[in-house]
Protein backbone atom coordinates (compact mmCIF):
# COMPACT_ATOMS: atom_id res chain seq x y z
CA MET A 1 5.57 16.72 7.80
CA ALA A 2 2.13 17.41 6.29
CA ARG A 3 2.60 14.98 3.40
CA GLU A 4 3.75 12.30 5.80
CA SER A 5 0.49 12.57 7.76
CA ILE A 6 -1.48 12.48 4.50
CA VAL A 7 0.29 9.31 3.42
CA GLY A 8 -0.34 7.91 6.92
CA GLU A 9 -4.06 8.60 6.65
CA LYS A 10 -4.31 7.30 3.10
CA SER A 11 -2.33 4.14 3.82
CA LEU A 12 -4.52 3.40 6.86
CA ALA A 13 -7.70 3.87 4.80
CA PHE A 14 -6.23 1.68 2.06
CA GLY A 15 -5.33 -1.00 4.60
CA LYS A 16 -8.94 -1.05 5.80
CA ARG A 17 -10.14 -1.46 2.20
CA ILE A 18 -7.67 -4.29 1.64
CA ALA A 19 -8.86 -6.05 4.82
CA LYS A 20 -12.47 -5.84 3.58
CA CYS A 21 -11.35 -6.99 0.14
CA TYR A 22 -9.66 -10.01 1.74
CA ARG A 23 -12.90 -10.97 3.51
CA TYR A 24 -14.81 -10.58 0.24
CA LEU A 25 -12.36 -12.74 -1.71
CA ARG A 26 -12.22 -15.37 1.02
CA ASP A 27 -15.94 -15.55 1.83
CA LYS A 28 -17.66 -14.75 -1.46
CA LYS A 29 -15.13 -15.93 -4.04
CA ARG A 30 -13.55 -18.73 -1.97
CA GLU A 31 -10.08 -17.52 -2.93
CA THR A 32 -7.54 -17.91 -0.12
CA VAL A 33 -3.99 -17.94 -1.48
CA MET A 34 -3.81 -14.74 -3.52
CA SER A 35 -6.11 -12.89 -1.13
CA LYS A 36 -3.72 -13.60 1.77
CA GLN A 37 -0.83 -12.26 -0.28
CA LEU A 38 -2.84 -9.10 -1.04
CA LEU A 39 -3.78 -8.74 2.63
CA ARG A 40 -0.18 -9.08 3.75
CA CYS A 41 1.38 -6.55 1.39
CA GLY A 42 -1.61 -4.18 1.22
CA THR A 43 -1.73 -3.70 4.99
CA SER A 44 2.05 -3.63 5.31
CA ILE A 45 2.16 -0.33 3.43
CA GLY A 46 0.49 1.51 6.30
CA ALA A 47 2.40 -0.39 8.98
CA ASN A 48 5.71 0.71 7.47
CA VAL A 49 4.51 4.28 6.96
CA ARG A 50 3.46 4.41 10.62
CA GLU A 51 6.79 2.98 11.70
CA GLY A 52 8.53 5.59 9.53
CA LEU A 53 6.64 8.40 11.23
CA TYR A 54 8.30 7.31 14.48
CA ALA A 55 11.73 6.83 12.92
CA GLN A 56 14.85 7.57 14.91
CA SER A 57 16.51 9.45 12.08
CA ARG A 58 15.93 10.75 8.57
CA LYS A 59 17.79 7.72 7.20
CA ASP A 60 15.54 5.36 9.19
CA PHE A 61 12.48 7.29 7.94
CA VAL A 62 13.55 6.88 4.30
CA SER A 63 14.28 3.20 4.89
CA LYS A 64 10.78 2.55 6.29
CA LEU A 65 9.12 4.48 3.48
CA ASN A 66 11.18 2.55 0.93
CA ILE A 67 9.83 -0.67 2.44
CA ALA A 68 6.29 0.75 2.21
CA LEU A 69 6.97 1.63 -1.43
CA LYS A 70 8.10 -1.94 -2.16
CA GLU A 71 4.96 -3.28 -0.47
CA ALA A 72 2.82 -0.95 -2.60
CA GLY A 73 4.60 -2.32 -5.67
CA GLU A 74 3.81 -5.86 -4.58
CA THR A 75 0.21 -4.86 -3.90
CA ASP A 76 0.04 -3.55 -7.46
CA TYR A 77 1.17 -6.95 -8.72
CA TRP A 78 -1.42 -8.91 -6.71
CA LEU A 79 -4.20 -6.55 -7.76
CA ASP A 80 -3.25 -7.22 -11.38
CA VAL A 81 -3.12 -10.99 -10.88
CA ILE A 82 -6.42 -11.17 -9.01
CA HIS A 83 -8.11 -8.98 -11.60
CA SER A 84 -6.72 -10.97 -14.53
CA ALA A 85 -7.94 -14.16 -12.83
CA GLU A 86 -11.40 -12.53 -12.86
CA TYR A 87 -11.96 -12.36 -9.11
CA PHE A 88 -12.50 -8.59 -9.36
CA THR A 89 -14.81 -6.69 -11.64
CA ASP A 90 -13.20 -3.89 -13.63
CA ASP A 91 -14.78 -1.32 -11.29
CA GLU A 92 -13.53 -3.06 -8.14
CA PHE A 93 -10.05 -3.37 -9.61
CA ASN A 94 -9.89 0.21 -10.88
CA SER A 95 -11.00 1.63 -7.53
CA LEU A 96 -8.26 -0.23 -5.64
CA LYS A 97 -5.69 0.43 -8.37
CA VAL A 98 -6.28 4.21 -8.25
CA ASP A 99 -5.77 4.26 -4.47
CA ASN A 100 -2.63 2.14 -4.66
CA ASP A 101 -1.22 4.25 -7.50
CA GLU A 102 -1.77 7.35 -5.37
CA LEU A 103 0.17 5.75 -2.51
CA LEU A 104 2.98 4.84 -4.91
CA ARG A 105 3.21 8.45 -6.10
CA LEU A 106 3.05 9.92 -2.59
CA LEU A 107 5.69 7.57 -1.22
CA THR A 108 8.00 8.18 -4.17
CA SER A 109 7.63 11.95 -3.78
CA ILE A 110 8.26 11.91 -0.02
CA ILE A 111 11.31 9.66 -0.38
CA LYS A 112 12.80 11.85 -3.12
CA SER A 113 12.19 15.10 -1.27
CA THR A 114 13.55 13.69 2.00
CA LYS A 115 16.68 12.39 0.28
CA SER A 116 17.24 15.76 -1.40
CA LYS A 117 17.20 17.44 2.03
CA GLU A 118 20.03 15.12 3.11
CA GLU A 119 22.29 16.33 0.29
């Protein structure tokens, strides 16, 4: 369960960054539509990870982490769109992208290893 707590901590920290990013985009850049999409999916990663940590079964756990993985994939998309629309500097984008990519890798690894234990 050590990796699960790591992904829990990292997804919470990422959610906090996304919430601050949303405020920045809304207040400083006056961007409201894409920033709300980013806020929704970027914070949903951690919410689904947390829900997975309290899953009723291994199957439920994998299901919740799969949802978190999908949300991380959507977050990746919105980061790309917002960056290509020039609301983020390269440094701002790269910093968020690295963190999201790490969550994608962690979630994928946990899901694969959990599924292999089922077999």
